[in-house]
Amino acid sequence: MADAIEDEFHEFVRERLPGLRRAAYLLCGDWTRGDDIVQRTLTDVYVRWRRIRRAGNVDAYVRTVLVHRFIDERRRGWAARESPVDRLPERCAEDVALEGVPEGLELHAALARLPHRQRAVLVLRFFCDMSVEQTARVLRCAPGTVKSQTSAALATMRRLLEDPLDAGRTR
């Protein structure tokens, strides 16, 4: 029985890993940090997999954990996130591409310019296809806050994407 449950978890990870990586990348704007967030998320999920697998919507639960790990990562200082090493780790040959996003579009740069909460709202609402209420539960805020953050984020994205030179500039 334990092997079947573990196999079920491995299959879940195989199917969902690319989407989790893309969501984490969209949240933090960095593949390496995103992979760290996904790793912490999957570690948390693995420990509780026996209970989680019986939940009504496992994907929503895992996305919630992912966003909470992103928020936790943002709250900790640089020193808590970084530890020096003698050798750099090997890099993947290819990162997962964002399907349907035309090359040259400054979407990534514009998304990176948003405040973290607004970025999280857009990723959850439009990439993870969550409702206002689901997003509010994940972010532990009121649905009205999600709506106002979405509106502000979309207005900023429109402005930044109308002027691609502005989207590439740092804050």
N, C-alpha and C. Protein backbone atom coordinates (compact mmCIF):
# COMPACT_ATOMS: atom_id res chain seq x y z
N MET A 1 0.82 -1.20 0.00
CA MET A 1 0.00 0.00 0.00
C MET A 1 0.86 1.26 0.00
N ALA A 2 1.93 1.26 0.79
CA ALA A 2 2.80 2.44 0.86
C ALA A 2 3.45 2.71 -0.48
N ASP A 3 3.83 1.65 -1.19
CA ASP A 3 4.44 1.84 -2.52
C ASP A 3 3.43 2.45 -3.49
N ALA A 4 2.19 2.05 -3.42
CA ALA A 4 1.16 2.59 -4.31
C ALA A 4 0.94 4.08 -4.04
N ILE A 5 0.96 4.48 -2.78
CA ILE A 5 0.78 5.89 -2.43
C ILE A 5 1.98 6.70 -2.91
N GLU A 6 3.17 6.16 -2.72
CA GLU A 6 4.36 6.86 -3.18
C GLU A 6 4.39 6.96 -4.70
N ASP A 7 3.99 5.89 -5.38
CA ASP A 7 3.90 5.93 -6.85
C ASP A 7 2.90 6.98 -7.30
N GLU A 8 1.80 7.11 -6.57
CA GLU A 8 0.78 8.11 -6.89
C GLU A 8 1.37 9.52 -6.77
N PHE A 9 2.18 9.75 -5.71
CA PHE A 9 2.82 11.05 -5.54
C PHE A 9 3.79 11.32 -6.69
N HIS A 10 4.61 10.33 -7.03
CA HIS A 10 5.57 10.50 -8.12
C HIS A 10 4.87 10.81 -9.44
N GLU A 11 3.76 10.16 -9.70
CA GLU A 11 2.99 10.41 -10.92
C GLU A 11 2.42 11.83 -10.89
N PHE A 12 1.92 12.25 -9.74
CA PHE A 12 1.41 13.61 -9.59
C PHE A 12 2.52 14.62 -9.92
N VAL A 13 3.70 14.41 -9.39
CA VAL A 13 4.83 15.33 -9.63
C VAL A 13 5.21 15.31 -11.10
N ARG A 14 5.29 14.14 -11.71
CA ARG A 14 5.64 14.06 -13.14
C ARG A 14 4.67 14.87 -14.00
N GLU A 15 3.39 14.79 -13.68
CA GLU A 15 2.38 15.49 -14.47
C GLU A 15 2.35 16.99 -14.19
N ARG A 16 2.60 17.39 -12.97
CA ARG A 16 2.40 18.80 -12.58
C ARG A 16 3.67 19.63 -12.54
N LEU A 17 4.83 19.00 -12.56
CA LEU A 17 6.08 19.75 -12.38
C LEU A 17 6.27 20.89 -13.38
N PRO A 18 6.06 20.69 -14.67
CA PRO A 18 6.25 21.83 -15.58
C PRO A 18 5.35 23.03 -15.23
N GLY A 19 4.10 22.78 -14.92
CA GLY A 19 3.20 23.87 -14.55
C GLY A 19 3.59 24.54 -13.25
N LEU A 20 4.03 23.75 -12.27
CA LEU A 20 4.49 24.33 -11.00
C LEU A 20 5.73 25.19 -11.22
N ARG A 21 6.64 24.72 -12.06
CA ARG A 21 7.85 25.50 -12.35
C ARG A 21 7.50 26.82 -13.02
N ARG A 22 6.58 26.78 -13.99
CA ARG A 22 6.19 28.01 -14.69
C ARG A 22 5.52 28.98 -13.71
N ALA A 23 4.63 28.46 -12.86
CA ALA A 23 3.96 29.33 -11.88
C ALA A 23 4.98 29.96 -10.93
N ALA A 24 5.92 29.18 -10.46
CA ALA A 24 6.95 29.71 -9.55
C ALA A 24 7.81 30.75 -10.26
N TYR A 25 8.15 30.48 -11.51
CA TYR A 25 8.93 31.45 -12.28
C TYR A 25 8.15 32.76 -12.45
N LEU A 26 6.88 32.64 -12.77
CA LEU A 26 6.07 33.85 -12.93
C LEU A 26 5.96 34.63 -11.62
N LEU A 27 5.93 33.92 -10.51
CA LEU A 27 5.85 34.59 -9.21
C LEU A 27 7.15 35.33 -8.87
N CYS A 28 8.28 34.65 -9.06
CA CYS A 28 9.54 35.26 -8.58
C CYS A 28 10.41 35.82 -9.69
N GLY A 29 10.17 35.43 -10.96
CA GLY A 29 10.95 35.99 -12.07
C GLY A 29 12.32 35.39 -12.24
N ASP A 30 12.57 34.26 -11.61
CA ASP A 30 13.90 33.64 -11.69
C ASP A 30 13.72 32.12 -11.67
N TRP A 31 14.27 31.43 -12.65
CA TRP A 31 14.09 29.98 -12.73
C TRP A 31 14.72 29.26 -11.54
N THR A 32 15.90 29.69 -11.13
CA THR A 32 16.58 29.01 -10.03
C THR A 32 15.82 29.18 -8.72
N ARG A 33 15.43 30.40 -8.42
CA ARG A 33 14.63 30.64 -7.21
C ARG A 33 13.29 29.93 -7.31
N GLY A 34 12.71 29.95 -8.50
CA GLY A 34 11.44 29.25 -8.72
C GLY A 34 11.57 27.76 -8.45
N ASP A 35 12.66 27.17 -8.92
CA ASP A 35 12.89 25.74 -8.65
C ASP A 35 13.04 25.46 -7.16
N ASP A 36 13.69 26.38 -6.45
CA ASP A 36 13.81 26.23 -5.00
C ASP A 36 12.44 26.27 -4.33
N ILE A 37 11.60 27.18 -4.78
CA ILE A 37 10.24 27.29 -4.22
C ILE A 37 9.45 26.02 -4.50
N VAL A 38 9.56 25.51 -5.73
CA VAL A 38 8.86 24.27 -6.09
C VAL A 38 9.38 23.11 -5.25
N GLN A 39 10.69 23.05 -5.05
CA GLN A 39 11.25 21.96 -4.24
C GLN A 39 10.71 22.01 -2.81
N ARG A 40 10.67 23.20 -2.21
CA ARG A 40 10.13 23.31 -0.85
C ARG A 40 8.64 22.95 -0.83
N THR A 41 7.93 23.37 -1.88
CA THR A 41 6.51 23.04 -1.97
C THR A 41 6.30 21.54 -2.03
N LEU A 42 7.02 20.87 -2.91
CA LEU A 42 6.84 19.43 -3.07
C LEU A 42 7.31 18.66 -1.83
N THR A 43 8.29 19.17 -1.13
CA THR A 43 8.71 18.53 0.12
C THR A 43 7.58 18.61 1.14
N ASP A 44 6.97 19.79 1.26
CA ASP A 44 5.84 19.95 2.19
C ASP A 44 4.68 19.05 1.80
N VAL A 45 4.39 18.97 0.51
CA VAL A 45 3.28 18.15 0.03
C VAL A 45 3.57 16.67 0.25
N TYR A 46 4.79 16.24 -0.01
CA TYR A 46 5.16 14.83 0.16
C TYR A 46 4.94 14.38 1.60
N VAL A 47 5.35 15.21 2.55
CA VAL A 47 5.22 14.86 3.96
C VAL A 47 3.75 14.63 4.35
N ARG A 48 2.85 15.37 3.70
CA ARG A 48 1.42 15.29 4.03
C ARG A 48 0.59 14.59 2.94
N TRP A 49 1.26 13.89 2.03
CA TRP A 49 0.59 13.35 0.85
C TRP A 49 -0.58 12.42 1.19
N ARG A 50 -0.45 11.61 2.22
CA ARG A 50 -1.54 10.68 2.56
C ARG A 50 -2.85 11.42 2.82
N ARG A 51 -2.76 12.57 3.50
CA ARG A 51 -3.97 13.37 3.76
C ARG A 51 -4.37 14.19 2.55
N ILE A 52 -3.40 14.79 1.90
CA ILE A 52 -3.68 15.70 0.78
C ILE A 52 -4.35 14.98 -0.37
N ARG A 53 -3.92 13.76 -0.65
CA ARG A 53 -4.45 13.02 -1.81
C ARG A 53 -5.94 12.77 -1.69
N ARG A 54 -6.47 12.82 -0.48
CA ARG A 54 -7.90 12.62 -0.27
C ARG A 54 -8.69 13.93 -0.37
N ALA A 55 -7.98 15.04 -0.50
CA ALA A 55 -8.64 16.35 -0.59
C ALA A 55 -9.41 16.45 -1.90
N GLY A 56 -10.39 17.30 -1.90
CA GLY A 56 -11.23 17.46 -3.08
C GLY A 56 -10.48 18.01 -4.28
N ASN A 57 -9.56 18.95 -4.07
CA ASN A 57 -8.83 19.55 -5.18
C ASN A 57 -7.35 19.64 -4.81
N VAL A 58 -6.62 18.59 -5.13
CA VAL A 58 -5.20 18.51 -4.79
C VAL A 58 -4.42 19.62 -5.47
N ASP A 59 -4.75 19.93 -6.72
CA ASP A 59 -4.03 20.97 -7.45
C ASP A 59 -4.15 22.33 -6.75
N ALA A 60 -5.35 22.66 -6.31
CA ALA A 60 -5.55 23.94 -5.61
C ALA A 60 -4.74 23.97 -4.31
N TYR A 61 -4.71 22.85 -3.60
CA TYR A 61 -3.94 22.78 -2.36
C TYR A 61 -2.46 23.02 -2.65
N VAL A 62 -1.94 22.36 -3.68
CA VAL A 62 -0.51 22.47 -4.01
C VAL A 62 -0.19 23.90 -4.47
N ARG A 63 -1.07 24.51 -5.26
CA ARG A 63 -0.85 25.90 -5.67
C ARG A 63 -0.84 26.82 -4.45
N THR A 64 -1.70 26.56 -3.49
CA THR A 64 -1.72 27.36 -2.27
C THR A 64 -0.40 27.23 -1.53
N VAL A 65 0.10 26.01 -1.40
CA VAL A 65 1.39 25.81 -0.74
C VAL A 65 2.49 26.54 -1.52
N LEU A 66 2.45 26.46 -2.84
CA LEU A 66 3.45 27.13 -3.68
C LEU A 66 3.46 28.63 -3.42
N VAL A 67 2.30 29.24 -3.39
CA VAL A 67 2.24 30.69 -3.15
C VAL A 67 2.71 31.02 -1.74
N HIS A 68 2.35 30.20 -0.77
CA HIS A 68 2.82 30.45 0.60
C HIS A 68 4.34 30.33 0.69
N ARG A 69 4.92 29.38 -0.02
CA ARG A 69 6.40 29.26 -0.01
C ARG A 69 7.02 30.48 -0.67
N PHE A 70 6.40 30.99 -1.75
CA PHE A 70 6.88 32.21 -2.40
C PHE A 70 6.83 33.39 -1.42
N ILE A 71 5.71 33.54 -0.74
CA ILE A 71 5.56 34.63 0.22
C ILE A 71 6.57 34.48 1.36
N ASP A 72 6.73 33.26 1.87
CA ASP A 72 7.73 33.03 2.92
C ASP A 72 9.12 33.40 2.45
N GLU A 73 9.44 33.04 1.21
CA GLU A 73 10.75 33.33 0.65
C GLU A 73 10.97 34.83 0.56
N ARG A 74 9.92 35.57 0.22
CA ARG A 74 10.01 37.02 0.11
C ARG A 74 10.19 37.67 1.48
N ARG A 75 9.63 37.06 2.52
CA ARG A 75 9.71 37.64 3.87
C ARG A 75 11.09 37.45 4.50
N ARG A 76 11.75 36.37 4.12
CA ARG A 76 13.08 36.12 4.68
C ARG A 76 14.09 37.01 3.98
N GLY A 77 15.11 37.38 4.69
CA GLY A 77 16.15 38.22 4.11
C GLY A 77 17.06 37.43 3.19
N TRP A 78 17.92 38.15 2.46
CA TRP A 78 18.84 37.52 1.53
C TRP A 78 19.72 36.50 2.23
N ALA A 79 20.22 36.82 3.40
CA ALA A 79 21.13 35.92 4.11
C ALA A 79 20.47 34.59 4.43
N ALA A 80 19.18 34.59 4.69
CA ALA A 80 18.47 33.35 4.99
C ALA A 80 18.25 32.51 3.73
N ARG A 81 18.24 33.17 2.56
CA ARG A 81 17.99 32.46 1.31
C ARG A 81 19.26 31.95 0.66
N GLU A 82 20.37 32.61 0.88
CA GLU A 82 21.60 32.31 0.17
C GLU A 82 22.64 31.69 1.08
N SER A 83 23.34 30.72 0.54
CA SER A 83 24.48 30.16 1.26
C SER A 83 25.59 29.91 0.25
N PRO A 84 26.76 30.45 0.51
CA PRO A 84 27.86 30.32 -0.45
C PRO A 84 28.32 28.87 -0.59
N VAL A 85 28.76 28.54 -1.79
CA VAL A 85 29.29 27.20 -2.07
C VAL A 85 30.59 27.35 -2.84
N ASP A 86 31.38 26.28 -2.82
CA ASP A 86 32.65 26.32 -3.53
C ASP A 86 32.47 26.20 -5.04
N ARG A 87 31.51 25.37 -5.45
CA ARG A 87 31.27 25.18 -6.89
C ARG A 87 29.81 25.48 -7.21
N LEU A 88 29.59 26.04 -8.38
CA LEU A 88 28.24 26.31 -8.82
C LEU A 88 27.56 25.00 -9.25
N PRO A 89 26.27 24.86 -9.00
CA PRO A 89 25.57 23.65 -9.44
C PRO A 89 25.40 23.67 -10.94
N GLU A 90 25.19 22.48 -11.51
CA GLU A 90 24.95 22.38 -12.94
C GLU A 90 23.61 23.03 -13.25
N ARG A 91 23.53 23.68 -14.41
CA ARG A 91 22.29 24.30 -14.85
C ARG A 91 21.60 23.39 -15.85
N CYS A 92 20.29 23.48 -15.88
CA CYS A 92 19.54 22.74 -16.88
C CYS A 92 19.90 23.28 -18.26
N ALA A 93 19.90 22.41 -19.23
CA ALA A 93 20.20 22.84 -20.59
C ALA A 93 19.12 23.77 -21.11
N GLU A 94 17.88 23.51 -20.76
CA GLU A 94 16.77 24.30 -21.25
C GLU A 94 15.76 24.53 -20.14
N ASP A 95 15.28 25.74 -20.03
CA ASP A 95 14.21 26.01 -19.09
C ASP A 95 12.88 25.80 -19.80
N VAL A 96 11.84 25.60 -19.03
CA VAL A 96 10.52 25.41 -19.60
C VAL A 96 10.06 26.73 -20.21
N ALA A 97 9.67 26.70 -21.46
CA ALA A 97 9.18 27.90 -22.13
C ALA A 97 7.74 28.17 -21.74
N LEU A 98 7.35 29.41 -21.81
CA LEU A 98 5.96 29.77 -21.55
C LEU A 98 5.21 29.66 -22.87
N GLU A 99 4.39 28.65 -22.98
CA GLU A 99 3.67 28.40 -24.22
C GLU A 99 2.72 29.55 -24.53
N GLY A 100 2.66 29.90 -25.80
CA GLY A 100 1.72 30.91 -26.24
C GLY A 100 2.19 32.34 -26.04
N VAL A 101 3.39 32.55 -25.49
CA VAL A 101 3.90 33.90 -25.30
C VAL A 101 4.86 34.20 -26.44
N PRO A 102 4.52 35.18 -27.29
CA PRO A 102 5.37 35.48 -28.43
C PRO A 102 6.76 35.93 -27.99
N GLU A 103 7.76 35.54 -28.78
CA GLU A 103 9.13 35.97 -28.49
C GLU A 103 9.22 37.48 -28.63
N GLY A 104 10.07 38.09 -27.83
CA GLY A 104 10.27 39.52 -27.91
C GLY A 104 9.28 40.31 -27.07
N LEU A 105 8.22 39.69 -26.63
CA LEU A 105 7.26 40.40 -25.80
C LEU A 105 7.88 40.60 -24.42
N GLU A 106 7.77 41.78 -23.90
CA GLU A 106 8.39 42.11 -22.63
C GLU A 106 7.51 41.76 -21.45
N LEU A 107 6.74 40.69 -21.59
CA LEU A 107 5.83 40.28 -20.54
C LEU A 107 6.56 39.96 -19.24
N HIS A 108 7.65 39.23 -19.36
CA HIS A 108 8.41 38.86 -18.17
C HIS A 108 8.94 40.09 -17.44
N ALA A 109 9.48 41.02 -18.20
CA ALA A 109 10.03 42.23 -17.58
C ALA A 109 8.91 43.05 -16.92
N ALA A 110 7.78 43.15 -17.59
CA ALA A 110 6.66 43.91 -17.02
C ALA A 110 6.14 43.22 -15.76
N LEU A 111 6.00 41.91 -15.80
CA LEU A 111 5.52 41.16 -14.64
C LEU A 111 6.48 41.32 -13.46
N ALA A 112 7.76 41.32 -13.74
CA ALA A 112 8.77 41.47 -12.69
C ALA A 112 8.71 42.84 -12.03
N ARG A 113 8.19 43.83 -12.73
CA ARG A 113 8.11 45.19 -12.18
C ARG A 113 6.95 45.36 -11.21
N LEU A 114 6.01 44.43 -11.21
CA LEU A 114 4.85 44.55 -10.32
C LEU A 114 5.24 44.25 -8.87
N PRO A 115 4.54 44.86 -7.92
CA PRO A 115 4.73 44.47 -6.52
C PRO A 115 4.38 42.98 -6.36
N HIS A 116 4.98 42.33 -5.41
CA HIS A 116 4.84 40.88 -5.26
C HIS A 116 3.39 40.42 -5.11
N ARG A 117 2.61 41.16 -4.38
CA ARG A 117 1.21 40.76 -4.18
C ARG A 117 0.42 40.85 -5.48
N GLN A 118 0.65 41.91 -6.25
CA GLN A 118 -0.04 42.04 -7.53
C GLN A 118 0.40 40.94 -8.50
N ARG A 119 1.68 40.63 -8.49
CA ARG A 119 2.18 39.55 -9.34
C ARG A 119 1.53 38.22 -8.95
N ALA A 120 1.44 37.97 -7.65
CA ALA A 120 0.82 36.72 -7.18
C ALA A 120 -0.64 36.66 -7.60
N VAL A 121 -1.35 37.79 -7.51
CA VAL A 121 -2.76 37.81 -7.91
C VAL A 121 -2.90 37.47 -9.40
N LEU A 122 -2.07 38.07 -10.25
CA LEU A 122 -2.17 37.79 -11.68
C LEU A 122 -1.83 36.33 -12.00
N VAL A 123 -0.80 35.82 -11.38
CA VAL A 123 -0.41 34.42 -11.64
C VAL A 123 -1.53 33.48 -11.21
N LEU A 124 -2.08 33.69 -10.03
CA LEU A 124 -3.15 32.81 -9.55
C LEU A 124 -4.42 32.94 -10.39
N ARG A 125 -4.80 34.16 -10.71
CA ARG A 125 -6.05 34.38 -11.43
C ARG A 125 -5.97 33.92 -12.88
N PHE A 126 -4.88 34.27 -13.57
CA PHE A 126 -4.85 34.06 -15.01
C PHE A 126 -3.97 32.89 -15.45
N PHE A 127 -2.92 32.58 -14.73
CA PHE A 127 -2.10 31.43 -15.10
C PHE A 127 -2.65 30.15 -14.47
N CYS A 128 -2.99 30.23 -13.19
CA CYS A 128 -3.53 29.06 -12.48
C CYS A 128 -5.04 28.96 -12.62
N ASP A 129 -5.67 29.95 -13.23
CA ASP A 129 -7.10 29.94 -13.51
C ASP A 129 -7.95 29.78 -12.25
N MET A 130 -7.57 30.52 -11.21
CA MET A 130 -8.32 30.47 -9.96
C MET A 130 -9.34 31.60 -9.92
N SER A 131 -10.43 31.37 -9.21
CA SER A 131 -11.46 32.39 -9.05
C SER A 131 -10.98 33.46 -8.07
N VAL A 132 -11.73 34.53 -7.99
CA VAL A 132 -11.43 35.60 -7.03
C VAL A 132 -11.44 35.04 -5.62
N GLU A 133 -12.44 34.23 -5.31
CA GLU A 133 -12.57 33.67 -3.96
C GLU A 133 -11.42 32.71 -3.64
N GLN A 134 -11.05 31.86 -4.61
CA GLN A 134 -9.94 30.94 -4.38
C GLN A 134 -8.65 31.71 -4.17
N THR A 135 -8.43 32.74 -4.98
CA THR A 135 -7.23 33.55 -4.86
C THR A 135 -7.20 34.25 -3.49
N ALA A 136 -8.34 34.75 -3.06
CA ALA A 136 -8.42 35.41 -1.75
C ALA A 136 -8.06 34.44 -0.63
N ARG A 137 -8.54 33.21 -0.72
CA ARG A 137 -8.20 32.21 0.31
C ARG A 137 -6.70 31.92 0.32
N VAL A 138 -6.12 31.76 -0.87
CA VAL A 138 -4.68 31.47 -0.95
C VAL A 138 -3.87 32.61 -0.36
N LEU A 139 -4.23 33.84 -0.71
CA LEU A 139 -3.47 35.00 -0.24
C LEU A 139 -3.91 35.51 1.12
N ARG A 140 -4.94 34.87 1.68
CA ARG A 140 -5.46 35.24 3.00
C ARG A 140 -5.85 36.72 3.05
N CYS A 141 -6.70 37.09 2.09
CA CYS A 141 -7.19 38.46 2.04
C CYS A 141 -8.65 38.44 1.58
N ALA A 142 -9.27 39.59 1.54
CA ALA A 142 -10.67 39.69 1.13
C ALA A 142 -10.78 39.62 -0.40
N PRO A 143 -11.89 39.11 -0.91
CA PRO A 143 -12.09 39.09 -2.36
C PRO A 143 -11.99 40.49 -2.99
N GLY A 144 -12.45 41.51 -2.27
CA GLY A 144 -12.32 42.88 -2.77
C GLY A 144 -10.87 43.29 -2.97
N THR A 145 -10.00 42.81 -2.09
CA THR A 145 -8.57 43.09 -2.23
C THR A 145 -8.03 42.44 -3.49
N VAL A 146 -8.46 41.22 -3.76
CA VAL A 146 -8.02 40.53 -4.98
C VAL A 146 -8.46 41.33 -6.20
N LYS A 147 -9.70 41.79 -6.19
CA LYS A 147 -10.22 42.55 -7.33
C LYS A 147 -9.45 43.85 -7.53
N SER A 148 -9.19 44.57 -6.45
CA SER A 148 -8.46 45.84 -6.58
C SER A 148 -7.01 45.61 -6.99
N GLN A 149 -6.38 44.56 -6.44
CA GLN A 149 -5.01 44.25 -6.82
C GLN A 149 -4.94 43.82 -8.29
N THR A 150 -5.93 43.05 -8.74
CA THR A 150 -5.98 42.63 -10.14
C THR A 150 -6.12 43.84 -11.05
N SER A 151 -7.02 44.72 -10.71
CA SER A 151 -7.25 45.92 -11.51
C SER A 151 -5.98 46.76 -11.60
N ALA A 152 -5.34 47.00 -10.46
CA ALA A 152 -4.11 47.80 -10.44
C ALA A 152 -2.99 47.12 -11.23
N ALA A 153 -2.86 45.80 -11.07
CA ALA A 153 -1.81 45.07 -11.76
C ALA A 153 -2.02 45.09 -13.27
N LEU A 154 -3.26 44.89 -13.71
CA LEU A 154 -3.54 44.90 -15.14
C LEU A 154 -3.30 46.29 -15.74
N ALA A 155 -3.66 47.33 -15.01
CA ALA A 155 -3.41 48.70 -15.49
C ALA A 155 -1.91 48.94 -15.64
N THR A 156 -1.15 48.49 -14.67
CA THR A 156 0.30 48.66 -14.74
C THR A 156 0.88 47.84 -15.89
N MET A 157 0.41 46.60 -16.05
CA MET A 157 0.90 45.76 -17.15
C MET A 157 0.59 46.40 -18.49
N ARG A 158 -0.61 46.93 -18.67
CA ARG A 158 -0.97 47.59 -19.94
C ARG A 158 -0.02 48.76 -20.21
N ARG A 159 0.22 49.56 -19.19
CA ARG A 159 1.11 50.71 -19.35
C ARG A 159 2.52 50.26 -19.72
N LEU A 160 3.03 49.26 -19.01
CA LEU A 160 4.38 48.79 -19.26
C LEU A 160 4.51 48.13 -20.63
N LEU A 161 3.49 47.41 -21.06
CA LEU A 161 3.57 46.71 -22.35
C LEU A 161 3.34 47.66 -23.53
N GLU A 162 2.69 48.80 -23.28
CA GLU A 162 2.55 49.81 -24.34
C GLU A 162 3.89 50.47 -24.62
N ASP A 163 4.74 50.55 -23.59
CA ASP A 163 6.07 51.14 -23.74
C ASP A 163 7.09 50.09 -23.34
N PRO A 164 7.48 49.20 -24.28
CA PRO A 164 8.39 48.11 -23.95
C PRO A 164 9.72 48.57 -23.35
N LEU A 165 10.19 49.77 -23.71
CA LEU A 165 11.44 50.25 -23.13
C LEU A 165 11.29 50.47 -21.64
N ASP A 166 10.09 50.91 -21.19
CA ASP A 166 9.83 51.13 -19.78
C ASP A 166 9.78 49.80 -19.03
N ALA A 167 9.26 48.74 -19.66
CA ALA A 167 9.12 47.44 -19.00
C ALA A 167 10.47 46.82 -18.70
N GLY A 168 11.48 47.11 -19.50
CA GLY A 168 12.79 46.52 -19.30
C GLY A 168 13.63 47.23 -18.28
N ARG A 169 13.23 48.42 -17.87
CA ARG A 169 14.00 49.18 -16.89
C ARG A 169 13.80 48.62 -15.49
N THR A 170 14.80 48.77 -14.68
CA THR A 170 14.69 48.35 -13.29
C THR A 170 14.00 49.44 -12.50
N ARG A 171 13.46 49.02 -11.36
CA ARG A 171 12.75 49.99 -10.50
C ARG A 171 13.67 50.99 -9.91
